[in-house]
PDB file of N, CA and C in Angstrom:
ATOM      1  N   UNK A   1     116.073  98.001  94.920  1.00  0.00           N
ATOM      2  CA  UNK A   1     115.575  98.304  96.412  1.00  0.00           C
ATOM      3  C   UNK A   1     116.446  98.578  97.150  1.00  0.00           C
ATOM      4  N   UNK A   2     116.466  99.741  98.061  1.00  0.00           N
ATOM      5  CA  UNK A   2     117.404 100.424  98.676  1.00  0.00           C
ATOM      6  C   UNK A   2     117.432  99.703  99.793  1.00  0.00           C
ATOM      7  N   UNK A   3     118.584  99.192 100.309  1.00  0.00           N
ATOM      8  CA  UNK A   3     118.387  98.056 101.768  1.00  0.00           C
ATOM      9  C   UNK A   3     118.772  98.919 102.694  1.00  0.00           C
ATOM     10  N   UNK A   4     118.841 100.211 102.959  1.00  0.00           N
ATOM     11  CA  UNK A   4     119.335 100.652 104.163  1.00  0.00           C
ATOM     12  C   UNK A   4     119.474 102.162 104.247  1.00  0.00           C
ATOM     13  N   UNK A   5     119.650 103.036 104.858  1.00  0.00           N
ATOM     14  CA  UNK A   5     119.340 104.435 105.592  1.00  0.00           C
ATOM     15  C   UNK A   5     120.412 104.681 106.544  1.00  0.00           C
ATOM     16  N   UNK A   6     120.953 105.831 106.392  1.00  0.00           N
ATOM     17  CA  UNK A   6     122.190 106.319 107.839  1.00  0.00           C
ATOM     18  C   UNK A   6     121.185 107.244 108.357  1.00  0.00           C
ATOM     19  N   UNK A   7     120.870 107.389 109.338  1.00  0.00           N
ATOM     20  CA  UNK A   7     120.501 109.243 110.030  1.00  0.00           C
ATOM     21  C   UNK A   7     121.758 108.855 111.082  1.00  0.00           C
ATOM     22  N   UNK A   8     122.351 110.209 111.005  1.00  0.00           N
ATOM     23  CA  UNK A   8     123.257 110.697 111.675  1.00  0.00           C
ATOM     24  C   UNK A   8     124.742 109.690 111.157  1.00  0.00           C
ATOM     25  N   UNK A   9     125.021 108.611 112.191  1.00  0.00           N
ATOM     26  CA  UNK A   9     125.773 107.768 112.082  1.00  0.00           C
ATOM     27  C   UNK A   9     125.017 106.462 112.109  1.00  0.00           C
ATOM     28  N   UNK A  10     124.126 106.150 112.183  1.00  0.00           N
ATOM     29  CA  UNK A  10     123.246 105.052 112.722  1.00  0.00           C
ATOM     30  C   UNK A  10     122.602 104.146 111.527  1.00  0.00           C
ATOM     31  N   UNK A  11     123.283 103.073 111.171  1.00  0.00           N
ATOM     32  CA  UNK A  11     122.910 102.040 109.550  1.00  0.00           C
ATOM     33  C   UNK A  11     121.632 101.840 110.239  1.00  0.00           C
ATOM     34  N   UNK A  12     120.355 102.154 109.391  1.00  0.00           N
ATOM     35  CA  UNK A  12     119.247 101.273 109.547  1.00  0.00           C
ATOM     36  C   UNK A  12     118.719 100.030 108.418  1.00  0.00           C
ATOM     37  N   UNK A  13     118.503  99.033 108.528  1.00  0.00           N
ATOM     38  CA  UNK A  13     118.241  97.988 107.496  1.00  0.00           C
ATOM     39  C   UNK A  13     116.530  98.337 106.908  1.00  0.00           C
ATOM     40  N   UNK A  14     116.543  98.474 105.755  1.00  0.00           N
ATOM     41  CA  UNK A  14     115.005  98.840 105.403  1.00  0.00           C
ATOM     42  C   UNK A  14     114.324  97.603 104.949  1.00  0.00           C
ATOM     43  N   UNK A  15     112.778  97.592 104.953  1.00  0.00           N
ATOM     44  CA  UNK A  15     112.079  96.501 104.103  1.00  0.00           C
ATOM     45  C   UNK A  15     111.600  97.355 103.033  1.00  0.00           C
ATOM     46  N   UNK A  16     111.140  98.716 103.178  1.00  0.00           N
ATOM     47  CA  UNK A  16     110.615  99.338 102.395  1.00  0.00           C
ATOM     48  C   UNK A  16     111.318 100.861 102.207  1.00  0.00           C
ATOM     49  N   UNK A  17     111.564 101.308 100.698  1.00  0.00           N
ATOM     50  CA  UNK A  17     111.994 102.516 100.681  1.00  0.00           C
ATOM     51  C   UNK A  17     111.534 103.268  99.264  1.00  0.00           C
ATOM     52  N   UNK A  18     110.872 104.376  99.725  1.00  0.00           N
ATOM     53  CA  UNK A  18     110.406 105.501  98.529  1.00  0.00           C
ATOM     54  C   UNK A  18     110.727 106.934  98.795  1.00  0.00           C
ATOM     55  N   UNK A  19     111.013 107.418  97.385  1.00  0.00           N
ATOM     56  CA  UNK A  19     111.674 108.680  97.501  1.00  0.00           C
ATOM     57  C   UNK A  19     111.129 109.556  96.529  1.00  0.00           C
ATOM     58  N   UNK A  20     110.896 110.903  96.791  1.00  0.00           N
ATOM     59  CA  UNK A  20     110.348 111.964  95.685  1.00  0.00           C
ATOM     60  C   UNK A  20     111.189 112.982  95.822  1.00  0.00           C
ATOM     61  N   UNK A  21     111.153 113.991  94.765  1.00  0.00           N
ATOM     62  CA  UNK A  21     111.757 114.934  95.010  1.00  0.00           C
ATOM     63  C   UNK A  21     110.996 116.143  93.982  1.00  0.00           C
ATOM     64  N   UNK A  22     110.781 117.200  95.214  1.00  0.00           N
ATOM     65  CA  UNK A  22     109.686 118.103  94.884  1.00  0.00           C
ATOM     66  C   UNK A  22     110.557 119.551  94.747  1.00  0.00           C
ATOM     67  N   UNK A  23     110.519 120.464  93.522  1.00  0.00           N
ATOM     68  CA  UNK A  23     111.135 121.909  94.304  1.00  0.00           C
ATOM     69  C   UNK A  23     112.566 121.331  94.922  1.00  0.00           C
ATOM     70  N   UNK A  24     113.016 120.441  93.891  1.00  0.00           N
ATOM     71  CA  UNK A  24     114.646 120.201  94.645  1.00  0.00           C
ATOM     72  C   UNK A  24     114.985 119.751  95.898  1.00  0.00           C
ATOM     73  N   UNK A  25     114.173 119.437  96.790  1.00  0.00           N
ATOM     74  CA  UNK A  25     114.081 118.780  98.067  1.00  0.00           C
ATOM     75  C   UNK A  25     113.320 117.348  98.074  1.00  0.00           C
ATOM     76  N   UNK A  26     114.532 116.302  98.717  1.00  0.00           N
ATOM     77  CA  UNK A  26     113.971 115.210  98.937  1.00  0.00           C
ATOM     78  C   UNK A  26     113.240 115.165  99.918  1.00  0.00           C
ATOM     79  N   UNK A  27     112.038 114.025  99.563  1.00  0.00           N
ATOM     80  CA  UNK A  27     111.216 113.605 100.754  1.00  0.00           C
ATOM     81  C   UNK A  27     111.194 112.108 100.776  1.00  0.00           C
ATOM     82  N   UNK A  28     111.508 111.260 101.683  1.00  0.00           N
ATOM     83  CA  UNK A  28     111.885 109.759 101.683  1.00  0.00           C
ATOM     84  C   UNK A  28     110.936 109.547 102.887  1.00  0.00           C
ATOM     85  N   UNK A  29     110.373 108.147 102.602  1.00  0.00           N
ATOM     86  CA  UNK A  29     109.697 107.355 103.439  1.00  0.00           C
ATOM     87  C   UNK A  29     110.590 106.023 103.558  1.00  0.00           C
ATOM     88  N   UNK A  30     110.564 105.355 104.900  1.00  0.00           N
ATOM     89  CA  UNK A  30     111.180 104.301 104.713  1.00  0.00           C
ATOM     90  C   UNK A  30     110.239 103.461 105.852  1.00  0.00           C
ATOM     91  N   UNK A  31     110.396 101.947 105.770  1.00  0.00           N
ATOM     92  CA  UNK A  31     109.787 101.163 106.871  1.00  0.00           C
ATOM     93  C   UNK A  31     110.888 100.225 107.291  1.00  0.00           C
ATOM     94  N   UNK A  32     110.972  99.849 108.651  1.00  0.00           N
ATOM     95  CA  UNK A  32     111.724  99.339 109.060  1.00  0.00           C
ATOM     96  C   UNK A  32     111.758  98.734 110.069  1.00  0.00           C
ATOM     97  N   UNK A  33     112.057  96.994 110.555  1.00  0.00           N
ATOM     98  CA  UNK A  33     112.188  96.441 111.945  1.00  0.00           C
ATOM     99  C   UNK A  33     112.698  97.189 112.668  1.00  0.00           C
ATOM    100  N   UNK A  34     112.118  97.195 114.295  1.00  0.00           N
ATOM    101  CA  UNK A  34     112.899  97.571 115.524  1.00  0.00           C
ATOM    102  C   UNK A  34     112.504  96.490 116.442  1.00  0.00           C
ATOM    103  N   UNK A  35     113.775  95.963 116.795  1.00  0.00           N
ATOM    104  CA  UNK A  35     113.545  94.806 117.973  1.00  0.00           C
ATOM    105  C   UNK A  35     113.653  95.644 119.163  1.00  0.00           C
ATOM    106  N   UNK A  36     113.234  94.510 120.354  1.00  0.00           N
ATOM    107  CA  UNK A  36     113.499  95.258 121.771  1.00  0.00           C
ATOM    108  C   UNK A  36     114.596  95.609 122.333  1.00  0.00           C
ATOM    109  N   UNK A  37     115.232  94.875 121.425  1.00  0.00           N
ATOM    110  CA  UNK A  37     116.419  94.954 122.192  1.00  0.00           C
ATOM    111  C   UNK A  37     117.553  96.383 121.453  1.00  0.00           C
ATOM    112  N   UNK A  38     116.705  96.703 120.359  1.00  0.00           N
ATOM    113  CA  UNK A  38     117.464  98.008 119.643  1.00  0.00           C
ATOM    114  C   UNK A  38     116.409  99.315 120.010  1.00  0.00           C
ATOM    115  N   UNK A  39     115.204  98.925 120.646  1.00  0.00           N
ATOM    116  CA  UNK A  39     114.278  99.996 120.825  1.00  0.00           C
ATOM    117  C   UNK A  39     115.028 101.370 121.278  1.00  0.00           C
ATOM    118  N   UNK A  40     115.526 101.213 122.470  1.00  0.00           N
ATOM    119  CA  UNK A  40     115.965 102.240 123.099  1.00  0.00           C
ATOM    120  C   UNK A  40     117.032 103.236 122.160  1.00  0.00           C
ATOM    121  N   UNK A  41     117.791 102.609 121.752  1.00  0.00           N
ATOM    122  CA  UNK A  41     118.747 103.268 120.792  1.00  0.00           C
ATOM    123  C   UNK A  41     117.939 104.250 119.672  1.00  0.00           C
ATOM    124  N   UNK A  42     117.055 103.500 119.266  1.00  0.00           N
ATOM    125  CA  UNK A  42     116.433 103.833 117.897  1.00  0.00           C
ATOM    126  C   UNK A  42     115.496 105.103 118.430  1.00  0.00           C
ATOM    127  N   UNK A  43     114.837 104.763 119.685  1.00  0.00           N
ATOM    128  CA  UNK A  43     113.978 105.860 119.948  1.00  0.00           C
ATOM    129  C   UNK A  43     114.539 107.414 120.203  1.00  0.00           C
ATOM    130  N   UNK A  44     115.615 106.683 120.986  1.00  0.00           N
ATOM    131  CA  UNK A  44     116.543 107.989 121.431  1.00  0.00           C
ATOM    132  C   UNK A  44     116.995 108.758 120.400  1.00  0.00           C
ATOM    133  N   UNK A  45     117.575 107.933 119.264  1.00  0.00           N
ATOM    134  CA  UNK A  45     117.959 108.370 117.899  1.00  0.00           C
ATOM    135  C   UNK A  45     116.733 109.532 117.173  1.00  0.00           C
ATOM    136  N   UNK A  46     115.595 108.728 117.144  1.00  0.00           N
ATOM    137  CA  UNK A  46     114.292 109.652 116.567  1.00  0.00           C
ATOM    138  C   UNK A  46     113.814 110.854 117.288  1.00  0.00           C
ATOM    139  N   UNK A  47     113.816 110.754 118.804  1.00  0.00           N
ATOM    140  CA  UNK A  47     113.893 111.784 119.633  1.00  0.00           C
ATOM    141  C   UNK A  47     114.707 113.193 118.893  1.00  0.00           C
ATOM    142  N   UNK A  48     115.531 112.897 118.111  1.00  0.00           N
ATOM    143  CA  UNK A  48     116.406 114.085 117.803  1.00  0.00           C
ATOM    144  C   UNK A  48     115.787 114.751 116.762  1.00  0.00           C
ATOM    145  N   UNK A  49     114.728 114.388 115.970  1.00  0.00           N
ATOM    146  CA  UNK A  49     113.988 114.756 115.193  1.00  0.00           C
ATOM    147  C   UNK A  49     114.681 115.456 113.617  1.00  0.00           C
ATOM    148  N   UNK A  50     116.018 115.571 113.913  1.00  0.00           N
ATOM    149  CA  UNK A  50     116.527 116.276 112.441  1.00  0.00           C
ATOM    150  C   UNK A  50     117.765 115.496 112.274  1.00  0.00           C
ATOM    151  N   UNK A  51     118.275 115.263 111.427  1.00  0.00           N
ATOM    152  CA  UNK A  51     119.544 114.095 110.965  1.00  0.00           C
ATOM    153  C   UNK A  51     120.010 114.420 109.854  1.00  0.00           C
ATOM    154  N   UNK A  52     120.977 114.054 109.953  1.00  0.00           N
ATOM    155  CA  UNK A  52     121.996 114.076 108.394  1.00  0.00           C
ATOM    156  C   UNK A  52     121.600 112.314 107.822  1.00  0.00           C
ATOM    157  N   UNK A  53     120.695 112.686 106.664  1.00  0.00           N
ATOM    158  CA  UNK A  53     120.550 111.508 106.221  1.00  0.00           C
ATOM    159  C   UNK A  53     121.197 111.290 104.871  1.00  0.00           C
ATOM    160  N   UNK A  54     121.890 109.758 105.138  1.00  0.00           N
ATOM    161  CA  UNK A  54     122.445 109.125 104.015  1.00  0.00           C
ATOM    162  C   UNK A  54     121.761 108.094 103.315  1.00  0.00           C
ATOM    163  N   UNK A  55     121.577 107.901 102.014  1.00  0.00           N
ATOM    164  CA  UNK A  55     121.413 106.643 101.217  1.00  0.00           C
ATOM    165  C   UNK A  55     122.240 106.062 100.631  1.00  0.00           C
ATOM    166  N   UNK A  56     123.087 105.771 100.890  1.00  0.00           N
ATOM    167  CA  UNK A  56     124.598 105.024  99.907  1.00  0.00           C
ATOM    168  C   UNK A  56     124.372 104.728  98.702  1.00  0.00           C
ATOM    169  N   UNK A  57     123.312 103.798  98.672  1.00  0.00           N
ATOM    170  CA  UNK A  57     123.104 103.155  97.183  1.00  0.00           C
ATOM    171  C   UNK A  57     122.678 104.064  96.251  1.00  0.00           C
ATOM    172  N   UNK A  58     122.040 105.186  96.415  1.00  0.00           N
ATOM    173  CA  UNK A  58     121.436 106.405  95.814  1.00  0.00           C
ATOM    174  C   UNK A  58     122.360 107.369  95.470  1.00  0.00           C
ATOM    175  N   UNK A  59     123.219 107.138  96.226  1.00  0.00           N
ATOM    176  CA  UNK A  59     124.497 108.295  96.519  1.00  0.00           C
ATOM    177  C   UNK A  59     123.685 109.679  97.144  1.00  0.00           C
ATOM    178  N   UNK A  60     122.472 109.855  97.515  1.00  0.00           N
ATOM    179  CA  UNK A  60     121.884 110.655  98.175  1.00  0.00           C
ATOM    180  C   UNK A  60     122.042 111.187  99.542  1.00  0.00           C
ATOM    181  N   UNK A  61     122.576 112.545  99.928  1.00  0.00           N
ATOM    182  CA  UNK A  61     122.840 112.846 101.189  1.00  0.00           C
ATOM    183  C   UNK A  61     121.977 114.494 101.417  1.00  0.00           C
ATOM    184  N   UNK A  62     121.259 114.455 102.557  1.00  0.00           N
ATOM    185  CA  UNK A  62     120.712 115.495 102.814  1.00  0.00           C
ATOM    186  C   UNK A  62     120.556 115.847 104.579  1.00  0.00           C
ATOM    187  N   UNK A  63     120.405 117.003 104.711  1.00  0.00           N
ATOM    188  CA  UNK A  63     119.576 117.096 106.376  1.00  0.00           C
ATOM    189  C   UNK A  63     118.314 117.275 106.186  1.00  0.00           C
ATOM    190  N   UNK A  64     117.477 116.364 106.956  1.00  0.00           N
ATOM    191  CA  UNK A  64     116.250 115.788 106.849  1.00  0.00           C
ATOM    192  C   UNK A  64     115.342 115.966 108.383  1.00  0.00           C
ATOM    193  N   UNK A  65     114.093 116.178 108.257  1.00  0.00           N
ATOM    194  CA  UNK A  65     113.445 116.210 109.667  1.00  0.00           C
ATOM    195  C   UNK A  65     112.248 115.400 109.393  1.00  0.00           C
ATOM    196  N   UNK A  66     112.085 114.842 110.264  1.00  0.00           N
ATOM    197  CA  UNK A  66     110.878 113.850 110.486  1.00  0.00           C
ATOM    198  C   UNK A  66     109.580 114.447 110.421  1.00  0.00           C
ATOM    199  N   UNK A  67     108.892 114.363 109.211  1.00  0.00           N
ATOM    200  CA  UNK A  67     107.719 114.717 108.872  1.00  0.00           C
ATOM    201  C   UNK A  67     106.329 113.992 109.267  1.00  0.00           C
ATOM    202  N   UNK A  68     106.752 112.396 109.122  1.00  0.00           N
ATOM    203  CA  UNK A  68     105.825 111.513 109.815  1.00  0.00           C
ATOM    204  C   UNK A  68     106.140 110.489 110.618  1.00  0.00           C
ATOM    205  N   UNK A  69     105.614 109.662 111.261  1.00  0.00           N
ATOM    206  CA  UNK A  69     106.297 108.504 112.066  1.00  0.00           C
ATOM    207  C   UNK A  69     105.248 107.909 112.750  1.00  0.00           C
ATOM    208  N   UNK A  70     105.766 106.560 112.710  1.00  0.00           N
ATOM    209  CA  UNK A  70     104.477 105.639 113.007  1.00  0.00           C
ATOM    210  C   UNK A  70     104.817 104.264 113.304  1.00  0.00           C
ATOM    211  N   UNK A  71     104.698 103.636 114.401  1.00  0.00           N
ATOM    212  CA  UNK A  71     105.195 102.054 114.531  1.00  0.00           C
ATOM    213  C   UNK A  71     103.876 101.330 115.253  1.00  0.00           C
ATOM    214  N   UNK A  72     104.232 100.191 114.727  1.00  0.00           N
ATOM    215  CA  UNK A  72     103.075  98.866 114.861  1.00  0.00           C
ATOM    216  C   UNK A  72     103.179  98.548 116.055  1.00  0.00           C
ATOM    217  N   UNK A  73     103.787  98.629 116.903  1.00  0.00           N
ATOM    218  CA  UNK A  73     103.412  98.383 118.346  1.00  0.00           C
ATOM    219  C   UNK A  73     104.581  99.202 119.371  1.00  0.00           C
ATOM    220  N   UNK A  74     103.717  99.191 120.567  1.00  0.00           N
ATOM    221  CA  UNK A  74     104.298 100.100 121.562  1.00  0.00           C
ATOM    222  C   UNK A  74     104.720  99.339 122.934  1.00  0.00           C
ATOM    223  N   UNK A  75     105.237  97.678 122.663  1.00  0.00           N
ATOM    224  CA  UNK A  75     105.578  97.310 124.193  1.00  0.00           C
ATOM    225  C   UNK A  75     106.731  96.412 123.949  1.00  0.00           C
ATOM    226  N   UNK A  76     107.451  97.563 122.824  1.00  0.00           N
ATOM    227  CA  UNK A  76     108.968  96.953 122.653  1.00  0.00           C
ATOM    228  C   UNK A  76     109.813  96.891 123.755  1.00  0.00           C
ATOM    229  N   UNK A  77     109.520  97.473 124.830  1.00  0.00           N
ATOM    230  CA  UNK A  77     110.199  97.129 126.201  1.00  0.00           C
ATOM    231  C   UNK A  77     110.082  95.649 126.650  1.00  0.00           C
ATOM    232  N   UNK A  78     108.928  94.722 126.091  1.00  0.00           N
ATOM    233  CA  UNK A  78     109.076  93.388 126.434  1.00  0.00           C
ATOM    234  C   UNK A  78     110.108  92.515 125.407  1.00  0.00           C
ATOM    235  N   UNK A  79     110.774  91.662 126.311  1.00  0.00           N
ATOM    236  CA  UNK A  79     111.642  91.060 125.447  1.00  0.00           C
ATOM    237  C   UNK A  79     111.666  90.019 124.212  1.00  0.00           C
ATOM    238  N   UNK A  80     112.221  90.185 123.202  1.00  0.00           N
ATOM    239  CA  UNK A  80     111.588  89.284 122.056  1.00  0.00           C
ATOM    240  C   UNK A  80     110.883  89.704 120.954  1.00  0.00           C
ATOM    241  N   UNK A  81     110.387  91.286 121.300  1.00  0.00           N
ATOM    242  CA  UNK A  81     109.371  91.917 120.484  1.00  0.00           C
ATOM    243  C   UNK A  81     109.845  92.391 119.108  1.00  0.00           C
ATOM    244  N   UNK A  82     109.150  92.615 118.083  1.00  0.00           N
ATOM    245  CA  UNK A  82     109.500  93.654 116.853  1.00  0.00           C
ATOM    246  C   UNK A  82     108.633  93.934 115.975  1.00  0.00           C
ATOM    247  N   UNK A  83     108.621  95.661 116.136  1.00  0.00           N
ATOM    248  CA  UNK A  83     107.969  96.248 116.097  1.00  0.00           C
ATOM    249  C   UNK A  83     108.270  97.266 114.476  1.00  0.00           C
ATOM    250  N   UNK A  84     107.428  97.396 113.544  1.00  0.00           N
ATOM    251  CA  UNK A  84     107.532  97.743 112.291  1.00  0.00           C
ATOM    252  C   UNK A  84     107.344  99.369 112.285  1.00  0.00           C
ATOM    253  N   UNK A  85     108.629 100.199 111.835  1.00  0.00           N
ATOM    254  CA  UNK A  85     108.457 101.568 112.191  1.00  0.00           C
ATOM    255  C   UNK A  85     108.382 102.168 110.463  1.00  0.00           C
ATOM    256  N   UNK A  86     107.667 103.265 110.622  1.00  0.00           N
ATOM    257  CA  UNK A  86     107.314 103.912 109.052  1.00  0.00           C
ATOM    258  C   UNK A  86     107.682 105.216 109.746  1.00  0.00           C
ATOM    259  N   UNK A  87     108.742 105.599 108.712  1.00  0.00           N
ATOM    260  CA  UNK A  87     109.015 107.127 108.907  1.00  0.00           C
ATOM    261  C   UNK A  87     109.522 108.311 107.417  1.00  0.00           C
ATOM    262  N   UNK A  88     108.665 109.189 107.660  1.00  0.00           N
ATOM    263  CA  UNK A  88     108.892 109.988 106.293  1.00  0.00           C
ATOM    264  C   UNK A  88     109.848 111.420 106.827  1.00  0.00           C
ATOM    265  N   UNK A  89     110.508 111.451 106.369  1.00  0.00           N
ATOM    266  CA  UNK A  89     112.138 112.806 106.437  1.00  0.00           C
ATOM    267  C   UNK A  89     111.621 113.474 105.214  1.00  0.00           C
ATOM    268  N   UNK A  90     111.717 114.831 105.551  1.00  0.00           N
ATOM    269  CA  UNK A  90     111.652 115.410 104.175  1.00  0.00           C
ATOM    270  C   UNK A  90     113.324 116.620 104.742  1.00  0.00           C
ATOM    271  N   UNK A  91     113.746 116.852 103.597  1.00  0.00           N
ATOM    272  CA  UNK A  91     114.835 117.700 103.421  1.00  0.00           C
ATOM    273  C   UNK A  91     114.555 119.126 103.246  1.00  0.00           C
ATOM    274  N   UNK A  92     115.248 119.675 104.529  1.00  0.00           N
ATOM    275  CA  UNK A  92     115.500 121.163 104.828  1.00  0.00           C
ATOM    276  C   UNK A  92     115.604 121.797 104.019  1.00  0.00           C
ATOM    277  N   UNK A  93     115.224 122.960 103.722  1.00  0.00           N
ATOM    278  CA  UNK A  93     115.628 124.041 102.667  1.00  0.00           C
ATOM    279  C   UNK A  93     117.126 124.445 103.311  1.00  0.00           C
ATOM    280  N   UNK A  94     118.065 124.844 102.273  1.00  0.00           N
ATOM    281  CA  UNK A  94     119.353 125.065 102.771  1.00  0.00           C
ATOM    282  C   UNK A  94     120.028 126.285 102.162  1.00  0.00           C
TER     283      UNK A  94
END
């Protein structure tokens, strides 16, 4: 099981990881928890939309764009909350 992903230089601990490769391009789906303390930094990062994606445990690196994104909770501004984020990234054609 892959335990972390890097988006740009931000390390994110994962609770779920799935990968596919179609026509030589990766699609990666991940699930991770975001605390109210980390919410602003993660939200700001995800607004970029495109990232240098690294999966060190699988020696995978690519430039990826958000294809799908969802969260289980929207009030992460409230203290001591934890939301589950689901994110699918698709490798850009190079």
